């Protein structure tokens, strides 16, 4: 998952090049991914807001997470609160919107780190994928899945493989005719053949299933077919 200065999920020509490469070099993907497959993705410079939304969506079905996110935003006139604003909000108020105690603590830790300068998101796009994952992991509750979603949908990185995402695992199981859901180790071995377009494979697997899985509603907000 190395940083590329030329390829981006926000650029259609990158999709054309990537899908052509994947179909040419991977026979099973050629059957699973249609020629010209493309998902229009819109750049969102609000990195902080994207991370808050990702935390809300962790381990929830899409529609349930979307409902909680909307109730949470209503506390702040329909928007994600600024870090300082969230810190001043009583925990009981936030939890009343459906945010769990754990996720409240995750968002609070993110906000405190941003306010103290311990975490700086400005300019994070200049870092490599692994540097970003390491940087974000300093925040309580932000693990690999949340970091992968950030890399794909906020930064448009082309070679990210969220191997722990249930939708990706089910999509690959179907595309490759596997008896069991592939685990991270197996998917990472498979992904070596998809370099540098792993993100496109992941997105194609989500579309292949066409079902609501963990974080699906969040992905639909950021990616429009």
C-alpha atoms as a PDB file:
ATOM      1  CA  UNK A   1       0.000   0.000   0.000  1.00  0.00           C
ATOM      2  CA  UNK A   2       2.525   2.558  -1.121  1.00  0.00           C
ATOM      3  CA  UNK A   3       1.617   6.135  -1.871  1.00  0.00           C
ATOM      4  CA  UNK A   4       1.151   6.992  -5.533  1.00  0.00           C
ATOM      5  CA  UNK A   5       1.476  10.566  -6.720  1.00  0.00           C
ATOM      6  CA  UNK A   6      -0.358   9.966  -9.996  1.00  0.00           C
ATOM      7  CA  UNK A   7      -3.144   7.445  -9.375  1.00  0.00           C
ATOM      8  CA  UNK A   8      -6.323   8.450  -7.547  1.00  0.00           C
ATOM      9  CA  UNK A   9      -9.832   7.092  -7.078  1.00  0.00           C
ATOM     10  CA  UNK A  10     -11.053  10.629  -7.756  1.00  0.00           C
ATOM     11  CA  UNK A  11      -9.725  10.464 -11.334  1.00  0.00           C
ATOM     12  CA  UNK A  12     -11.653   8.466 -13.931  1.00  0.00           C
ATOM     13  CA  UNK A  13      -8.554   7.723 -16.014  1.00  0.00           C
ATOM     14  CA  UNK A  14      -7.098   5.893 -13.000  1.00  0.00           C
ATOM     15  CA  UNK A  15     -10.204   3.706 -12.908  1.00  0.00           C
ATOM     16  CA  UNK A  16      -9.939   2.968 -16.628  1.00  0.00           C
ATOM     17  CA  UNK A  17      -6.309   1.958 -16.247  1.00  0.00           C
ATOM     18  CA  UNK A  18      -6.876  -0.006 -13.049  1.00  0.00           C
ATOM     19  CA  UNK A  19      -9.903  -2.018 -14.157  1.00  0.00           C
ATOM     20  CA  UNK A  20      -8.233  -2.877 -17.448  1.00  0.00           C
ATOM     21  CA  UNK A  21      -5.148  -4.080 -15.567  1.00  0.00           C
ATOM     22  CA  UNK A  22      -7.154  -6.141 -13.063  1.00  0.00           C
ATOM     23  CA  UNK A  23      -9.251  -7.836 -15.731  1.00  0.00           C
ATOM     24  CA  UNK A  24      -6.232  -8.599 -17.899  1.00  0.00           C
ATOM     25  CA  UNK A  25      -4.114 -10.122 -15.139  1.00  0.00           C
ATOM     26  CA  UNK A  26      -6.757 -11.846 -12.998  1.00  0.00           C
ATOM     27  CA  UNK A  27      -9.099 -14.244 -14.868  1.00  0.00           C
ATOM     28  CA  UNK A  28     -11.542 -14.628 -11.976  1.00  0.00           C
ATOM     29  CA  UNK A  29     -11.746 -10.881 -11.455  1.00  0.00           C
ATOM     30  CA  UNK A  30     -12.356 -10.506 -15.181  1.00  0.00           C
ATOM     31  CA  UNK A  31     -15.556 -12.491 -14.680  1.00  0.00           C
ATOM     32  CA  UNK A  32     -16.517 -10.607 -11.513  1.00  0.00           C
ATOM     33  CA  UNK A  33     -15.756  -7.054 -12.668  1.00  0.00           C
ATOM     34  CA  UNK A  34     -17.411  -5.729 -15.801  1.00  0.00           C
ATOM     35  CA  UNK A  35     -15.370  -3.842 -18.419  1.00  0.00           C
ATOM     36  CA  UNK A  36     -15.429  -0.124 -17.735  1.00  0.00           C
ATOM     37  CA  UNK A  37     -16.518  -0.537 -14.105  1.00  0.00           C
ATOM     38  CA  UNK A  38     -16.351   2.909 -12.515  1.00  0.00           C
ATOM     39  CA  UNK A  39     -17.607   4.550  -9.344  1.00  0.00           C
ATOM     40  CA  UNK A  40     -17.653   8.334  -9.202  1.00  0.00           C
ATOM     41  CA  UNK A  41     -16.113   9.460  -5.944  1.00  0.00           C
ATOM     42  CA  UNK A  42     -16.141  12.975  -4.573  1.00  0.00           C
ATOM     43  CA  UNK A  43     -13.218  14.425  -2.644  1.00  0.00           C
ATOM     44  CA  UNK A  44     -14.043  15.535   0.896  1.00  0.00           C
ATOM     45  CA  UNK A  45     -11.425  17.714   2.578  1.00  0.00           C
ATOM     46  CA  UNK A  46     -13.132  17.439   5.986  1.00  0.00           C
ATOM     47  CA  UNK A  47     -10.844  14.719   7.299  1.00  0.00           C
ATOM     48  CA  UNK A  48     -12.003  15.170  10.882  1.00  0.00           C
ATOM     49  CA  UNK A  49     -15.673  14.843   9.935  1.00  0.00           C
ATOM     50  CA  UNK A  50     -14.945  11.710   7.927  1.00  0.00           C
ATOM     51  CA  UNK A  51     -13.226  10.098  10.901  1.00  0.00           C
ATOM     52  CA  UNK A  52     -16.120  10.936  13.221  1.00  0.00           C
ATOM     53  CA  UNK A  53     -18.581   9.391  10.765  1.00  0.00           C
ATOM     54  CA  UNK A  54     -16.408   6.293  10.429  1.00  0.00           C
ATOM     55  CA  UNK A  55     -16.383   5.858  14.202  1.00  0.00           C
ATOM     56  CA  UNK A  56     -20.180   6.145  14.328  1.00  0.00           C
ATOM     57  CA  UNK A  57     -20.490   3.485  11.605  1.00  0.00           C
ATOM     58  CA  UNK A  58     -18.166   0.962  13.253  1.00  0.00           C
ATOM     59  CA  UNK A  59     -19.794  -2.454  13.720  1.00  0.00           C
ATOM     60  CA  UNK A  60     -23.278  -1.258  12.749  1.00  0.00           C
ATOM     61  CA  UNK A  61     -25.637  -2.022   9.888  1.00  0.00           C
ATOM     62  CA  UNK A  62     -25.764   0.891   7.473  1.00  0.00           C
ATOM     63  CA  UNK A  63     -29.302   2.151   8.089  1.00  0.00           C
ATOM     64  CA  UNK A  64     -28.979   1.974  11.867  1.00  0.00           C
ATOM     65  CA  UNK A  65     -25.694   3.878  11.764  1.00  0.00           C
ATOM     66  CA  UNK A  66     -27.139   6.501   9.429  1.00  0.00           C
ATOM     67  CA  UNK A  67     -30.052   7.092  11.803  1.00  0.00           C
ATOM     68  CA  UNK A  68     -27.706   7.519  14.772  1.00  0.00           C
ATOM     69  CA  UNK A  69     -25.452   9.845  12.796  1.00  0.00           C
ATOM     70  CA  UNK A  70     -28.414  12.030  11.852  1.00  0.00           C
ATOM     71  CA  UNK A  71     -29.589  12.227  15.475  1.00  0.00           C
ATOM     72  CA  UNK A  72     -26.051  13.094  16.529  1.00  0.00           C
ATOM     73  CA  UNK A  73     -25.843  15.887  13.957  1.00  0.00           C
ATOM     74  CA  UNK A  74     -29.181  17.302  15.093  1.00  0.00           C
ATOM     75  CA  UNK A  75     -27.520  18.125  18.404  1.00  0.00           C
ATOM     76  CA  UNK A  76     -25.364  20.570  16.432  1.00  0.00           C
ATOM     77  CA  UNK A  77     -27.844  21.979  13.911  1.00  0.00           C
ATOM     78  CA  UNK A  78     -27.297  19.218  11.373  1.00  0.00           C
ATOM     79  CA  UNK A  79     -23.503  19.132  11.276  1.00  0.00           C
ATOM     80  CA  UNK A  80     -20.506  17.418  12.826  1.00  0.00           C
ATOM     81  CA  UNK A  81     -19.414  19.526  15.822  1.00  0.00           C
ATOM     82  CA  UNK A  82     -15.987  21.132  15.941  1.00  0.00           C
ATOM     83  CA  UNK A  83     -13.608  19.288  18.301  1.00  0.00           C
ATOM     84  CA  UNK A  84     -13.803  21.959  21.012  1.00  0.00           C
ATOM     85  CA  UNK A  85     -17.588  21.999  20.730  1.00  0.00           C
ATOM     86  CA  UNK A  86     -17.825  18.245  21.176  1.00  0.00           C
ATOM     87  CA  UNK A  87     -15.523  18.289  24.195  1.00  0.00           C
ATOM     88  CA  UNK A  88     -17.864  20.752  25.917  1.00  0.00           C
ATOM     89  CA  UNK A  89     -20.943  18.603  25.256  1.00  0.00           C
ATOM     90  CA  UNK A  90     -22.152  16.485  28.171  1.00  0.00           C
ATOM     91  CA  UNK A  91     -21.695  12.753  27.649  1.00  0.00           C
ATOM     92  CA  UNK A  92     -25.340  12.125  28.537  1.00  0.00           C
ATOM     93  CA  UNK A  93     -26.431  14.428  25.716  1.00  0.00           C
ATOM     94  CA  UNK A  94     -24.309  12.628  23.135  1.00  0.00           C
ATOM     95  CA  UNK A  95     -25.376   9.203  24.333  1.00  0.00           C
ATOM     96  CA  UNK A  96     -28.981  10.328  24.104  1.00  0.00           C
ATOM     97  CA  UNK A  97     -28.512  10.485  20.331  1.00  0.00           C
ATOM     98  CA  UNK A  98     -27.599   6.798  20.284  1.00  0.00           C
ATOM     99  CA  UNK A  99     -23.813   7.052  20.482  1.00  0.00           C
ATOM    100  CA  UNK A 100     -22.498   4.195  22.622  1.00  0.00           C
ATOM    101  CA  UNK A 101     -20.240   4.882  25.622  1.00  0.00           C
ATOM    102  CA  UNK A 102     -17.303   3.356  23.753  1.00  0.00           C
ATOM    103  CA  UNK A 103     -17.813   5.472  20.641  1.00  0.00           C
ATOM    104  CA  UNK A 104     -18.293   8.577  22.750  1.00  0.00           C
ATOM    105  CA  UNK A 105     -14.873   7.910  24.278  1.00  0.00           C
ATOM    106  CA  UNK A 106     -13.374   7.355  20.807  1.00  0.00           C
ATOM    107  CA  UNK A 107     -14.702  10.642  19.430  1.00  0.00           C
ATOM    108  CA  UNK A 108     -13.684  12.439  22.612  1.00  0.00           C
ATOM    109  CA  UNK A 109     -10.134  11.116  22.333  1.00  0.00           C
ATOM    110  CA  UNK A 110      -9.973  12.190  18.681  1.00  0.00           C
ATOM    111  CA  UNK A 111     -11.174  15.686  19.576  1.00  0.00           C
ATOM    112  CA  UNK A 112      -8.780  16.056  22.498  1.00  0.00           C
ATOM    113  CA  UNK A 113      -5.818  14.981  20.387  1.00  0.00           C
ATOM    114  CA  UNK A 114      -6.761  17.451  17.659  1.00  0.00           C
ATOM    115  CA  UNK A 115      -7.254  20.278  20.145  1.00  0.00           C
ATOM    116  CA  UNK A 116      -3.944  19.594  21.893  1.00  0.00           C
ATOM    117  CA  UNK A 117      -2.058  19.252  18.625  1.00  0.00           C
ATOM    118  CA  UNK A 118      -1.072  15.676  19.418  1.00  0.00           C
ATOM    119  CA  UNK A 119      -2.745  14.701  16.155  1.00  0.00           C
ATOM    120  CA  UNK A 120      -2.575  16.937  13.090  1.00  0.00           C
ATOM    121  CA  UNK A 121      -4.694  16.054  10.056  1.00  0.00           C
ATOM    122  CA  UNK A 122      -3.614  18.974   7.901  1.00  0.00           C
ATOM    123  CA  UNK A 123      -1.191  17.730   5.264  1.00  0.00           C
ATOM    124  CA  UNK A 124      -1.812  14.082   6.111  1.00  0.00           C
ATOM    125  CA  UNK A 125      -2.382  13.375   2.415  1.00  0.00           C
ATOM    126  CA  UNK A 126       1.373  13.760   1.830  1.00  0.00           C
ATOM    127  CA  UNK A 127       2.128  10.676   3.944  1.00  0.00           C
ATOM    128  CA  UNK A 128       2.289   7.062   2.801  1.00  0.00           C
ATOM    129  CA  UNK A 129      -0.577   4.688   3.556  1.00  0.00           C
ATOM    130  CA  UNK A 130       1.288   2.965   6.381  1.00  0.00           C
ATOM    131  CA  UNK A 131       2.368   6.278   7.898  1.00  0.00           C
ATOM    132  CA  UNK A 132      -1.265   7.403   7.943  1.00  0.00           C
ATOM    133  CA  UNK A 133      -2.424   4.119   9.494  1.00  0.00           C
ATOM    134  CA  UNK A 134       0.212   4.478  12.206  1.00  0.00           C
ATOM    135  CA  UNK A 135      -0.729   8.115  12.817  1.00  0.00           C
ATOM    136  CA  UNK A 136      -4.456   7.417  13.110  1.00  0.00           C
ATOM    137  CA  UNK A 137      -3.909   4.382  15.329  1.00  0.00           C
ATOM    138  CA  UNK A 138      -2.829   6.753  18.098  1.00  0.00           C
ATOM    139  CA  UNK A 139      -6.512   7.610  18.525  1.00  0.00           C
ATOM    140  CA  UNK A 140      -8.522   5.355  20.798  1.00  0.00           C
ATOM    141  CA  UNK A 141     -10.923   3.217  18.777  1.00  0.00           C
ATOM    142  CA  UNK A 142      -9.420   3.902  15.354  1.00  0.00           C
ATOM    143  CA  UNK A 143      -8.180   0.588  14.031  1.00  0.00           C
ATOM    144  CA  UNK A 144      -7.316  -0.785  10.632  1.00  0.00           C
ATOM    145  CA  UNK A 145     -10.873  -0.772   9.214  1.00  0.00           C
ATOM    146  CA  UNK A 146     -11.449   2.900  10.019  1.00  0.00           C
ATOM    147  CA  UNK A 147      -8.029   3.815   8.641  1.00  0.00           C
ATOM    148  CA  UNK A 148      -8.701   1.853   5.450  1.00  0.00           C
ATOM    149  CA  UNK A 149     -12.019   3.659   4.928  1.00  0.00           C
ATOM    150  CA  UNK A 150     -10.230   6.979   5.414  1.00  0.00           C
ATOM    151  CA  UNK A 151      -7.548   6.076   2.877  1.00  0.00           C
ATOM    152  CA  UNK A 152     -10.102   5.013   0.280  1.00  0.00           C
ATOM    153  CA  UNK A 153     -12.872   7.560   0.642  1.00  0.00           C
ATOM    154  CA  UNK A 154     -11.131  10.644   2.021  1.00  0.00           C
ATOM    155  CA  UNK A 155      -7.792  10.368   0.224  1.00  0.00           C
ATOM    156  CA  UNK A 156      -8.725   8.322  -2.840  1.00  0.00           C
ATOM    157  CA  UNK A 157      -5.839   5.884  -2.423  1.00  0.00           C
ATOM    158  CA  UNK A 158      -5.947   3.162  -5.070  1.00  0.00           C
ATOM    159  CA  UNK A 159      -4.140   0.292  -3.347  1.00  0.00           C
ATOM    160  CA  UNK A 160      -5.955  -0.299  -0.064  1.00  0.00           C
ATOM    161  CA  UNK A 161      -7.412  -3.673   0.840  1.00  0.00           C
ATOM    162  CA  UNK A 162      -9.781  -3.627   3.859  1.00  0.00           C
ATOM    163  CA  UNK A 163      -9.330  -7.325   4.506  1.00  0.00           C
ATOM    164  CA  UNK A 164     -11.453  -7.281   7.657  1.00  0.00           C
ATOM    165  CA  UNK A 165     -14.523  -5.795   5.953  1.00  0.00           C
ATOM    166  CA  UNK A 166     -17.333  -8.346   5.817  1.00  0.00           C
ATOM    167  CA  UNK A 167     -18.594  -7.106   2.456  1.00  0.00           C
ATOM    168  CA  UNK A 168     -15.163  -7.474   0.868  1.00  0.00           C
ATOM    169  CA  UNK A 169     -14.747 -10.954   2.317  1.00  0.00           C
ATOM    170  CA  UNK A 170     -18.156 -12.096   1.078  1.00  0.00           C
ATOM    171  CA  UNK A 171     -17.584 -10.560  -2.340  1.00  0.00           C
ATOM    172  CA  UNK A 172     -14.252 -12.326  -2.758  1.00  0.00           C
ATOM    173  CA  UNK A 173     -15.724 -15.598  -1.540  1.00  0.00           C
ATOM    174  CA  UNK A 174     -18.346 -15.331  -4.267  1.00  0.00           C
ATOM    175  CA  UNK A 175     -15.999 -14.127  -7.013  1.00  0.00           C
ATOM    176  CA  UNK A 176     -13.399 -16.817  -6.357  1.00  0.00           C
ATOM    177  CA  UNK A 177     -15.819 -19.635  -5.506  1.00  0.00           C
ATOM    178  CA  UNK A 178     -14.354 -20.183  -2.043  1.00  0.00           C
ATOM    179  CA  UNK A 179     -16.015 -22.559   0.409  1.00  0.00           C
ATOM    180  CA  UNK A 180     -15.222 -20.365   3.406  1.00  0.00           C
ATOM    181  CA  UNK A 181     -14.899 -16.651   3.995  1.00  0.00           C
ATOM    182  CA  UNK A 182     -11.260 -15.710   3.356  1.00  0.00           C
ATOM    183  CA  UNK A 183      -9.400 -14.327   6.367  1.00  0.00           C
ATOM    184  CA  UNK A 184      -6.990 -11.383   6.406  1.00  0.00           C
ATOM    185  CA  UNK A 185      -3.936 -13.547   5.728  1.00  0.00           C
ATOM    186  CA  UNK A 186      -5.472 -15.126   2.639  1.00  0.00           C
ATOM    187  CA  UNK A 187      -6.842 -11.849   1.301  1.00  0.00           C
ATOM    188  CA  UNK A 188      -3.506 -10.080   1.705  1.00  0.00           C
ATOM    189  CA  UNK A 189      -1.842 -12.896  -0.230  1.00  0.00           C
ATOM    190  CA  UNK A 190      -4.455 -12.558  -2.981  1.00  0.00           C
ATOM    191  CA  UNK A 191      -4.115  -8.768  -2.987  1.00  0.00           C
ATOM    192  CA  UNK A 192      -0.454  -8.974  -3.971  1.00  0.00           C
ATOM    193  CA  UNK A 193      -1.682  -9.759  -7.494  1.00  0.00           C
ATOM    194  CA  UNK A 194      -3.960  -6.703  -7.545  1.00  0.00           C
ATOM    195  CA  UNK A 195      -1.262  -4.132  -6.765  1.00  0.00           C
ATOM    196  CA  UNK A 196      -1.573  -1.178  -7.203  1.00  0.00           C
ATOM    197  CA  UNK A 197      -5.376  -1.265  -7.535  1.00  0.00           C
ATOM    198  CA  UNK A 198      -6.601  -3.117  -4.449  1.00  0.00           C
ATOM    199  CA  UNK A 199      -9.099  -0.384  -3.563  1.00  0.00           C
ATOM    200  CA  UNK A 200     -10.896  -0.909  -6.862  1.00  0.00           C
ATOM    201  CA  UNK A 201     -11.232  -4.609  -6.109  1.00  0.00           C
ATOM    202  CA  UNK A 202     -12.724  -3.805  -2.693  1.00  0.00           C
ATOM    203  CA  UNK A 203     -15.231  -1.357  -4.176  1.00  0.00           C
ATOM    204  CA  UNK A 204     -16.134  -3.832  -6.911  1.00  0.00           C
ATOM    205  CA  UNK A 205     -16.805  -6.495  -4.273  1.00  0.00           C
ATOM    206  CA  UNK A 206     -19.139  -4.150  -2.382  1.00  0.00           C
ATOM    207  CA  UNK A 207     -21.048  -3.460  -5.582  1.00  0.00           C
ATOM    208  CA  UNK A 208     -21.048  -7.145  -6.503  1.00  0.00           C
ATOM    209  CA  UNK A 209     -22.918  -8.013  -3.324  1.00  0.00           C
ATOM    210  CA  UNK A 210     -25.300  -5.067  -3.622  1.00  0.00           C
ATOM    211  CA  UNK A 211     -26.258  -5.609   0.005  1.00  0.00           C
ATOM    212  CA  UNK A 212     -25.998  -3.511   3.137  1.00  0.00           C
ATOM    213  CA  UNK A 213     -22.973  -4.577   5.169  1.00  0.00           C
ATOM    214  CA  UNK A 214     -20.890  -2.854   7.814  1.00  0.00           C
ATOM    215  CA  UNK A 215     -20.429   0.755   6.783  1.00  0.00           C
ATOM    216  CA  UNK A 216     -22.268   0.373   3.471  1.00  0.00           C
ATOM    217  CA  UNK A 217     -24.413   3.461   3.970  1.00  0.00           C
ATOM    218  CA  UNK A 218     -21.309   5.482   4.788  1.00  0.00           C
ATOM    219  CA  UNK A 219     -19.673   4.292   1.592  1.00  0.00           C
ATOM    220  CA  UNK A 220     -22.744   5.205  -0.439  1.00  0.00           C
ATOM    221  CA  UNK A 221     -22.561   8.749   0.889  1.00  0.00           C
ATOM    222  CA  UNK A 222     -19.012   9.105  -0.380  1.00  0.00           C
ATOM    223  CA  UNK A 223     -19.208   7.061  -3.577  1.00  0.00           C
ATOM    224  CA  UNK A 224     -21.853   7.520  -6.225  1.00  0.00           C
ATOM    225  CA  UNK A 225     -22.110   4.971  -9.016  1.00  0.00           C
END
